[in-house]
Amino acid sequence: NAACRGQNPALWFPELKQGHQPDAFAEARKVCAVCPVDGDCLAHALKYERDSTGMWGGLTLDERRLLRRRQQRQRRAS
């Protein structure tokens, strides 16, 4: 049911192309925004794709790292 199914994988992995722009994930973000399984995709990435490049569940590697740090801080504060 993933919205990305059948799409060009390069949308989610623009860093494989040389000289990508800061908004290289713009098209992928649009697809992820309407995806019915983006939460599952993100959960999978956080659990199994810790250092995978590309966009997973609507977040880039840097954004997922930031989210993990926030989650860790919240767990410590609880």
N, C-alpha and C. Protein backbone atom coordinates (compact mmCIF):
# COMPACT_ATOMS: atom_id res chain seq x y z
N ASN A 1 0.80 -1.22 0.00
CA ASN A 1 0.00 0.00 0.00
C ASN A 1 0.83 1.27 0.00
N ALA A 2 2.13 1.12 -0.04
CA ALA A 2 3.01 2.30 0.01
C ALA A 2 2.84 3.16 -1.24
N ALA A 3 2.76 4.46 -1.02
CA ALA A 3 2.60 5.40 -2.14
C ALA A 3 3.84 5.41 -3.04
N CYS A 4 4.97 5.01 -2.51
CA CYS A 4 6.20 5.02 -3.31
C CYS A 4 6.33 3.79 -4.20
N ARG A 5 5.51 2.82 -3.98
CA ARG A 5 5.60 1.59 -4.78
C ARG A 5 5.44 1.92 -6.26
N GLY A 6 6.40 1.46 -7.05
CA GLY A 6 6.36 1.71 -8.47
C GLY A 6 6.95 3.04 -8.90
N GLN A 7 7.33 3.88 -7.94
CA GLN A 7 7.94 5.18 -8.25
C GLN A 7 9.45 4.99 -8.48
N ASN A 8 10.07 5.99 -9.02
CA ASN A 8 11.51 5.96 -9.24
C ASN A 8 12.24 6.04 -7.90
N PRO A 9 13.02 5.02 -7.52
CA PRO A 9 13.73 5.03 -6.24
C PRO A 9 14.68 6.21 -6.07
N ALA A 10 15.14 6.78 -7.16
CA ALA A 10 16.06 7.91 -7.08
C ALA A 10 15.45 9.10 -6.34
N LEU A 11 14.11 9.18 -6.29
CA LEU A 11 13.47 10.27 -5.54
C LEU A 11 13.82 10.19 -4.06
N TRP A 12 13.98 8.98 -3.53
CA TRP A 12 14.24 8.78 -2.11
C TRP A 12 15.72 8.68 -1.79
N PHE A 13 16.53 8.58 -2.81
CA PHE A 13 17.97 8.47 -2.63
C PHE A 13 18.72 9.43 -3.55
N PRO A 14 18.42 10.73 -3.48
CA PRO A 14 19.06 11.69 -4.39
C PRO A 14 20.55 11.85 -4.14
N GLU A 15 21.02 11.46 -2.95
CA GLU A 15 22.44 11.60 -2.67
C GLU A 15 23.28 10.66 -3.53
N LEU A 16 22.65 9.71 -4.18
CA LEU A 16 23.37 8.83 -5.09
C LEU A 16 23.76 9.57 -6.36
N LYS A 17 23.07 10.68 -6.61
CA LYS A 17 23.43 11.53 -7.75
C LYS A 17 24.40 12.58 -7.25
N GLN A 18 25.35 12.93 -8.04
CA GLN A 18 26.30 13.96 -7.62
C GLN A 18 25.67 15.34 -7.76
N GLY A 19 26.01 16.20 -6.83
CA GLY A 19 25.58 17.59 -6.89
C GLY A 19 24.11 17.82 -6.62
N HIS A 20 23.50 17.00 -5.73
CA HIS A 20 22.08 17.21 -5.46
C HIS A 20 21.86 18.52 -4.70
N GLN A 21 20.70 19.06 -4.87
CA GLN A 21 20.33 20.33 -4.27
C GLN A 21 19.70 20.11 -2.90
N PRO A 22 19.66 21.16 -2.04
CA PRO A 22 19.05 21.01 -0.71
C PRO A 22 17.60 20.53 -0.75
N ASP A 23 16.88 20.87 -1.80
CA ASP A 23 15.48 20.45 -1.88
C ASP A 23 15.34 19.16 -2.70
N ALA A 24 16.40 18.36 -2.73
CA ALA A 24 16.42 17.14 -3.54
C ALA A 24 15.32 16.16 -3.14
N PHE A 25 14.85 16.25 -1.92
CA PHE A 25 13.82 15.34 -1.43
C PHE A 25 12.41 15.88 -1.62
N ALA A 26 12.26 17.02 -2.25
CA ALA A 26 10.96 17.68 -2.36
C ALA A 26 9.89 16.76 -2.97
N GLU A 27 10.21 16.09 -4.06
CA GLU A 27 9.22 15.21 -4.70
C GLU A 27 8.91 14.01 -3.82
N ALA A 28 9.93 13.45 -3.18
CA ALA A 28 9.70 12.31 -2.28
C ALA A 28 8.82 12.73 -1.11
N ARG A 29 9.04 13.92 -0.57
CA ARG A 29 8.22 14.40 0.55
C ARG A 29 6.74 14.48 0.16
N LYS A 30 6.47 14.90 -1.07
CA LYS A 30 5.08 14.98 -1.53
C LYS A 30 4.43 13.61 -1.55
N VAL A 31 5.16 12.62 -1.98
CA VAL A 31 4.62 11.25 -2.02
C VAL A 31 4.43 10.73 -0.60
N CYS A 32 5.43 10.93 0.25
CA CYS A 32 5.34 10.47 1.63
C CYS A 32 4.19 11.13 2.38
N ALA A 33 3.91 12.38 2.06
CA ALA A 33 2.87 13.13 2.75
C ALA A 33 1.48 12.52 2.58
N VAL A 34 1.28 11.80 1.49
CA VAL A 34 -0.04 11.19 1.25
C VAL A 34 0.00 9.67 1.39
N CYS A 35 1.09 9.14 1.87
CA CYS A 35 1.25 7.69 1.96
C CYS A 35 0.49 7.13 3.17
N PRO A 36 -0.28 6.07 2.95
CA PRO A 36 -1.03 5.48 4.08
C PRO A 36 -0.15 4.68 5.04
N VAL A 37 1.09 4.39 4.67
CA VAL A 37 1.94 3.59 5.55
C VAL A 37 3.23 4.32 5.94
N ASP A 38 3.22 5.65 5.88
CA ASP A 38 4.44 6.39 6.20
C ASP A 38 4.89 6.16 7.64
N GLY A 39 3.96 5.99 8.55
CA GLY A 39 4.32 5.71 9.95
C GLY A 39 5.02 4.37 10.09
N ASP A 40 4.52 3.36 9.39
CA ASP A 40 5.17 2.05 9.41
C ASP A 40 6.56 2.12 8.80
N CYS A 41 6.68 2.87 7.71
CA CYS A 41 7.96 3.04 7.03
C CYS A 41 8.96 3.71 7.96
N LEU A 42 8.53 4.75 8.64
CA LEU A 42 9.40 5.45 9.56
C LEU A 42 9.80 4.55 10.72
N ALA A 43 8.86 3.81 11.28
CA ALA A 43 9.17 2.90 12.38
C ALA A 43 10.19 1.86 11.94
N HIS A 44 10.03 1.34 10.74
CA HIS A 44 10.99 0.37 10.21
C HIS A 44 12.37 1.00 10.10
N ALA A 45 12.43 2.20 9.57
CA ALA A 45 13.71 2.89 9.39
C ALA A 45 14.39 3.15 10.73
N LEU A 46 13.61 3.57 11.71
CA LEU A 46 14.19 3.86 13.02
C LEU A 46 14.72 2.60 13.69
N LYS A 47 14.09 1.47 13.40
CA LYS A 47 14.50 0.22 14.03
C LYS A 47 15.60 -0.51 13.25
N TYR A 48 15.47 -0.56 11.93
CA TYR A 48 16.35 -1.41 11.13
C TYR A 48 17.29 -0.66 10.19
N GLU A 49 16.99 0.56 9.87
CA GLU A 49 17.77 1.30 8.87
C GLU A 49 18.45 2.49 9.52
N ARG A 50 19.03 2.27 10.66
CA ARG A 50 19.57 3.36 11.48
C ARG A 50 20.46 4.34 10.71
N ASP A 51 21.34 3.84 9.89
CA ASP A 51 22.26 4.71 9.18
C ASP A 51 22.05 4.69 7.68
N SER A 52 20.87 4.25 7.27
CA SER A 52 20.58 4.22 5.83
C SER A 52 20.37 5.63 5.31
N THR A 53 20.93 5.86 4.17
CA THR A 53 20.72 7.14 3.53
C THR A 53 19.32 7.16 2.92
N GLY A 54 18.97 8.27 2.37
CA GLY A 54 17.67 8.37 1.71
C GLY A 54 16.57 8.77 2.66
N MET A 55 15.39 8.87 2.10
CA MET A 55 14.22 9.24 2.87
C MET A 55 13.41 7.99 3.19
N TRP A 56 13.05 7.88 4.44
CA TRP A 56 12.21 6.77 4.92
C TRP A 56 11.12 7.39 5.78
N GLY A 57 9.88 7.05 5.53
CA GLY A 57 8.78 7.56 6.35
C GLY A 57 8.69 9.08 6.34
N GLY A 58 9.15 9.70 5.27
CA GLY A 58 9.06 11.14 5.15
C GLY A 58 10.19 11.91 5.78
N LEU A 59 11.20 11.21 6.32
CA LEU A 59 12.32 11.88 6.97
C LEU A 59 13.65 11.46 6.36
N THR A 60 14.56 12.40 6.25
CA THR A 60 15.90 12.12 5.77
C THR A 60 16.72 11.50 6.90
N LEU A 61 17.91 11.05 6.59
CA LEU A 61 18.79 10.48 7.61
C LEU A 61 19.03 11.46 8.74
N ASP A 62 19.35 12.70 8.43
CA ASP A 62 19.59 13.70 9.48
C ASP A 62 18.34 13.94 10.32
N GLU A 63 17.19 13.99 9.68
CA GLU A 63 15.94 14.20 10.41
C GLU A 63 15.61 13.01 11.30
N ARG A 64 15.90 11.80 10.84
CA ARG A 64 15.67 10.62 11.67
C ARG A 64 16.62 10.60 12.86
N ARG A 65 17.85 11.01 12.65
CA ARG A 65 18.80 11.09 13.77
C ARG A 65 18.32 12.08 14.82
N LEU A 66 17.84 13.22 14.37
CA LEU A 66 17.31 14.23 15.29
C LEU A 66 16.11 13.67 16.05
N LEU A 67 15.21 12.99 15.35
CA LEU A 67 14.04 12.39 16.00
C LEU A 67 14.47 11.37 17.04
N ARG A 68 15.45 10.52 16.73
CA ARG A 68 15.95 9.53 17.69
C ARG A 68 16.49 10.20 18.95
N ARG A 69 17.24 11.28 18.76
CA ARG A 69 17.78 12.00 19.92
C ARG A 69 16.66 12.56 20.79
N ARG A 70 15.66 13.13 20.15
CA ARG A 70 14.51 13.67 20.90
C ARG A 70 13.81 12.56 21.68
N GLN A 71 13.61 11.43 21.03
CA GLN A 71 12.96 10.29 21.69
C GLN A 71 13.78 9.80 22.88
N GLN A 72 15.10 9.74 22.72
CA GLN A 72 15.97 9.32 23.81
C GLN A 72 15.89 10.29 24.99
N ARG A 73 15.88 11.59 24.68
CA ARG A 73 15.77 12.58 25.76
C ARG A 73 14.45 12.45 26.49
N GLN A 74 13.38 12.22 25.75
CA GLN A 74 12.06 12.07 26.36
C GLN A 74 12.02 10.84 27.25
N ARG A 75 12.64 9.75 26.82
CA ARG A 75 12.65 8.54 27.64
C ARG A 75 13.43 8.76 28.92
N ARG A 76 14.55 9.48 28.82
CA ARG A 76 15.35 9.76 30.01
C ARG A 76 14.61 10.68 30.98
N ALA A 77 13.82 11.59 30.46
CA ALA A 77 13.09 12.54 31.29
C ALA A 77 11.89 11.88 31.97
N SER A 78 11.43 10.77 31.43
CA SER A 78 10.24 10.09 32.00
C SER A 78 10.57 9.30 33.23
